[in-house]
């Protein structure tokens, strides 16, 4: 049991530096089309890539919700609900980034894990 603690102590400082370096980029990634910022500017940073991929999935879902507005009545309702849900998820994502946490969004993280850049 002593070995995992030692490994955590050794790996924590680089991760903290990595997280601190990427916070700004990962946070702005949750602002719609800016999801590409962490994906392209911080390619080597795991924290930025993790949140950037989730933000990309949210952006794609936002586009899909916008396209649904074509459908009369039901499309407007679904689109409005989607904008509210994705807005809340983006806000929580930004908060988690600023706290330095890796937060797996329900459903979104499963899709984001499959993305390879």
C-alpha atoms as a PDB file:
ATOM      1  CA  UNK A   1       0.000   0.000   0.000  1.00  0.00           C
ATOM      2  CA  UNK A   2       2.977   2.305   0.511  1.00  0.00           C
ATOM      3  CA  UNK A   3       3.915   2.159  -3.168  1.00  0.00           C
ATOM      4  CA  UNK A   4       0.684   3.711  -4.620  1.00  0.00           C
ATOM      5  CA  UNK A   5       0.945   6.633  -2.206  1.00  0.00           C
ATOM      6  CA  UNK A   6       4.513   7.286  -3.283  1.00  0.00           C
ATOM      7  CA  UNK A   7       3.475   7.132  -6.941  1.00  0.00           C
ATOM      8  CA  UNK A   8       0.628   9.593  -6.337  1.00  0.00           C
ATOM      9  CA  UNK A   9       2.947  12.003  -4.558  1.00  0.00           C
ATOM     10  CA  UNK A  10       5.423  11.863  -7.440  1.00  0.00           C
ATOM     11  CA  UNK A  11       2.810  12.229 -10.196  1.00  0.00           C
ATOM     12  CA  UNK A  12       0.759  14.982  -8.546  1.00  0.00           C
ATOM     13  CA  UNK A  13       3.058  17.998  -9.176  1.00  0.00           C
ATOM     14  CA  UNK A  14       3.371  17.454 -12.966  1.00  0.00           C
ATOM     15  CA  UNK A  15      -0.387  16.975 -13.238  1.00  0.00           C
ATOM     16  CA  UNK A  16      -1.016  20.142 -11.258  1.00  0.00           C
ATOM     17  CA  UNK A  17       1.319  22.067 -13.540  1.00  0.00           C
ATOM     18  CA  UNK A  18      -0.394  20.540 -16.564  1.00  0.00           C
ATOM     19  CA  UNK A  19      -3.836  21.467 -15.228  1.00  0.00           C
ATOM     20  CA  UNK A  20      -2.786  25.021 -14.317  1.00  0.00           C
ATOM     21  CA  UNK A  21      -1.266  25.536 -17.753  1.00  0.00           C
ATOM     22  CA  UNK A  22      -4.437  24.398 -19.534  1.00  0.00           C
ATOM     23  CA  UNK A  23      -7.213  25.868 -17.375  1.00  0.00           C
ATOM     24  CA  UNK A  24      -7.801  28.946 -19.525  1.00  0.00           C
ATOM     25  CA  UNK A  25      -7.833  27.008 -22.797  1.00  0.00           C
ATOM     26  CA  UNK A  26     -10.033  24.218 -21.429  1.00  0.00           C
ATOM     27  CA  UNK A  27     -12.514  26.714 -19.950  1.00  0.00           C
ATOM     28  CA  UNK A  28     -13.001  28.732 -23.127  1.00  0.00           C
ATOM     29  CA  UNK A  29     -13.402  25.458 -24.996  1.00  0.00           C
ATOM     30  CA  UNK A  30     -16.858  25.113 -23.475  1.00  0.00           C
ATOM     31  CA  UNK A  31     -17.982  28.286 -25.255  1.00  0.00           C
ATOM     32  CA  UNK A  32     -19.511  26.788 -28.412  1.00  0.00           C
ATOM     33  CA  UNK A  33     -17.232  27.010 -31.470  1.00  0.00           C
ATOM     34  CA  UNK A  34     -14.238  27.805 -29.261  1.00  0.00           C
ATOM     35  CA  UNK A  35     -14.078  24.068 -28.493  1.00  0.00           C
ATOM     36  CA  UNK A  36     -11.368  23.903 -31.159  1.00  0.00           C
ATOM     37  CA  UNK A  37      -9.024  26.171 -29.176  1.00  0.00           C
ATOM     38  CA  UNK A  38      -7.856  23.578 -26.616  1.00  0.00           C
ATOM     39  CA  UNK A  39      -7.930  20.812 -29.219  1.00  0.00           C
ATOM     40  CA  UNK A  40      -5.477  22.595 -31.522  1.00  0.00           C
ATOM     41  CA  UNK A  41      -3.462  24.866 -29.216  1.00  0.00           C
ATOM     42  CA  UNK A  42      -2.849  22.362 -26.406  1.00  0.00           C
ATOM     43  CA  UNK A  43      -2.405  19.079 -28.272  1.00  0.00           C
ATOM     44  CA  UNK A  44       0.065  17.667 -25.728  1.00  0.00           C
ATOM     45  CA  UNK A  45      -1.977  18.594 -22.641  1.00  0.00           C
ATOM     46  CA  UNK A  46      -4.219  15.774 -21.413  1.00  0.00           C
ATOM     47  CA  UNK A  47      -6.400  18.084 -19.316  1.00  0.00           C
ATOM     48  CA  UNK A  48      -7.102  20.438 -22.232  1.00  0.00           C
ATOM     49  CA  UNK A  49      -7.725  17.540 -24.608  1.00  0.00           C
ATOM     50  CA  UNK A  50     -10.097  15.829 -22.170  1.00  0.00           C
ATOM     51  CA  UNK A  51     -12.266  18.920 -21.771  1.00  0.00           C
ATOM     52  CA  UNK A  52     -11.837  19.982 -25.400  1.00  0.00           C
ATOM     53  CA  UNK A  53     -13.242  16.681 -26.651  1.00  0.00           C
ATOM     54  CA  UNK A  54     -16.254  16.965 -24.362  1.00  0.00           C
ATOM     55  CA  UNK A  55     -16.786  20.535 -25.527  1.00  0.00           C
ATOM     56  CA  UNK A  56     -16.585  19.380 -29.145  1.00  0.00           C
ATOM     57  CA  UNK A  57     -19.322  16.802 -28.535  1.00  0.00           C
ATOM     58  CA  UNK A  58     -21.479  19.484 -26.899  1.00  0.00           C
ATOM     59  CA  UNK A  59     -20.902  21.773 -29.887  1.00  0.00           C
ATOM     60  CA  UNK A  60     -21.948  19.050 -32.330  1.00  0.00           C
ATOM     61  CA  UNK A  61     -25.061  18.361 -30.260  1.00  0.00           C
ATOM     62  CA  UNK A  62     -25.859  22.098 -30.250  1.00  0.00           C
ATOM     63  CA  UNK A  63     -25.661  22.133 -34.053  1.00  0.00           C
ATOM     64  CA  UNK A  64     -27.960  19.088 -34.207  1.00  0.00           C
ATOM     65  CA  UNK A  65     -30.436  20.822 -31.894  1.00  0.00           C
ATOM     66  CA  UNK A  66     -30.339  23.920 -34.093  1.00  0.00           C
ATOM     67  CA  UNK A  67     -31.071  21.802 -37.165  1.00  0.00           C
ATOM     68  CA  UNK A  68     -34.085  20.305 -35.348  1.00  0.00           C
ATOM     69  CA  UNK A  69     -35.699  23.755 -35.365  1.00  0.00           C
ATOM     70  CA  UNK A  70     -36.777  22.928 -38.929  1.00  0.00           C
ATOM     71  CA  UNK A  71     -39.449  20.599 -37.533  1.00  0.00           C
ATOM     72  CA  UNK A  72     -42.554  22.666 -36.690  1.00  0.00           C
ATOM     73  CA  UNK A  73     -43.574  22.991 -33.009  1.00  0.00           C
ATOM     74  CA  UNK A  74     -41.798  19.871 -31.708  1.00  0.00           C
ATOM     75  CA  UNK A  75     -38.486  21.012 -33.190  1.00  0.00           C
ATOM     76  CA  UNK A  76     -38.754  24.369 -31.439  1.00  0.00           C
ATOM     77  CA  UNK A  77     -39.488  22.717 -28.104  1.00  0.00           C
ATOM     78  CA  UNK A  78     -36.676  20.172 -28.397  1.00  0.00           C
ATOM     79  CA  UNK A  79     -34.261  22.831 -29.615  1.00  0.00           C
ATOM     80  CA  UNK A  80     -35.085  25.153 -26.709  1.00  0.00           C
ATOM     81  CA  UNK A  81     -34.734  22.338 -24.166  1.00  0.00           C
ATOM     82  CA  UNK A  82     -31.434  21.245 -25.727  1.00  0.00           C
ATOM     83  CA  UNK A  83     -30.009  24.782 -25.562  1.00  0.00           C
ATOM     84  CA  UNK A  84     -30.867  24.968 -21.856  1.00  0.00           C
ATOM     85  CA  UNK A  85     -29.384  21.528 -21.079  1.00  0.00           C
ATOM     86  CA  UNK A  86     -26.215  22.112 -23.111  1.00  0.00           C
ATOM     87  CA  UNK A  87     -25.830  25.559 -21.575  1.00  0.00           C
ATOM     88  CA  UNK A  88     -26.003  24.083 -18.081  1.00  0.00           C
ATOM     89  CA  UNK A  89     -23.524  21.334 -19.014  1.00  0.00           C
ATOM     90  CA  UNK A  90     -21.138  23.922 -20.460  1.00  0.00           C
ATOM     91  CA  UNK A  91     -21.389  26.061 -17.326  1.00  0.00           C
ATOM     92  CA  UNK A  92     -20.707  23.092 -15.064  1.00  0.00           C
ATOM     93  CA  UNK A  93     -17.825  22.095 -17.352  1.00  0.00           C
ATOM     94  CA  UNK A  94     -16.281  25.561 -17.005  1.00  0.00           C
ATOM     95  CA  UNK A  95     -16.655  25.414 -13.220  1.00  0.00           C
ATOM     96  CA  UNK A  96     -15.024  21.976 -13.094  1.00  0.00           C
ATOM     97  CA  UNK A  97     -12.153  23.192 -15.291  1.00  0.00           C
ATOM     98  CA  UNK A  98     -11.547  26.181 -13.030  1.00  0.00           C
ATOM     99  CA  UNK A  99     -11.525  23.796 -10.057  1.00  0.00           C
ATOM    100  CA  UNK A 100      -8.922  21.708 -11.893  1.00  0.00           C
ATOM    101  CA  UNK A 101     -11.110  18.606 -12.073  1.00  0.00           C
ATOM    102  CA  UNK A 102     -11.584  15.971 -14.740  1.00  0.00           C
ATOM    103  CA  UNK A 103     -15.388  15.697 -14.886  1.00  0.00           C
ATOM    104  CA  UNK A 104     -17.006  13.113 -17.098  1.00  0.00           C
ATOM    105  CA  UNK A 105     -20.304  14.485 -18.380  1.00  0.00           C
ATOM    106  CA  UNK A 106     -23.061  11.899 -18.558  1.00  0.00           C
ATOM    107  CA  UNK A 107     -23.357  10.442 -22.095  1.00  0.00           C
ATOM    108  CA  UNK A 108     -21.107  13.181 -23.542  1.00  0.00           C
ATOM    109  CA  UNK A 109     -17.926  11.709 -22.042  1.00  0.00           C
ATOM    110  CA  UNK A 110     -18.671   8.285 -23.550  1.00  0.00           C
ATOM    111  CA  UNK A 111     -18.810   9.836 -27.014  1.00  0.00           C
ATOM    112  CA  UNK A 112     -15.806  12.092 -26.355  1.00  0.00           C
ATOM    113  CA  UNK A 113     -13.676   9.100 -25.299  1.00  0.00           C
ATOM    114  CA  UNK A 114     -14.028   7.673 -28.825  1.00  0.00           C
ATOM    115  CA  UNK A 115     -12.619  10.795 -30.484  1.00  0.00           C
ATOM    116  CA  UNK A 116      -9.024  10.569 -31.644  1.00  0.00           C
ATOM    117  CA  UNK A 117      -7.210  13.604 -32.963  1.00  0.00           C
END
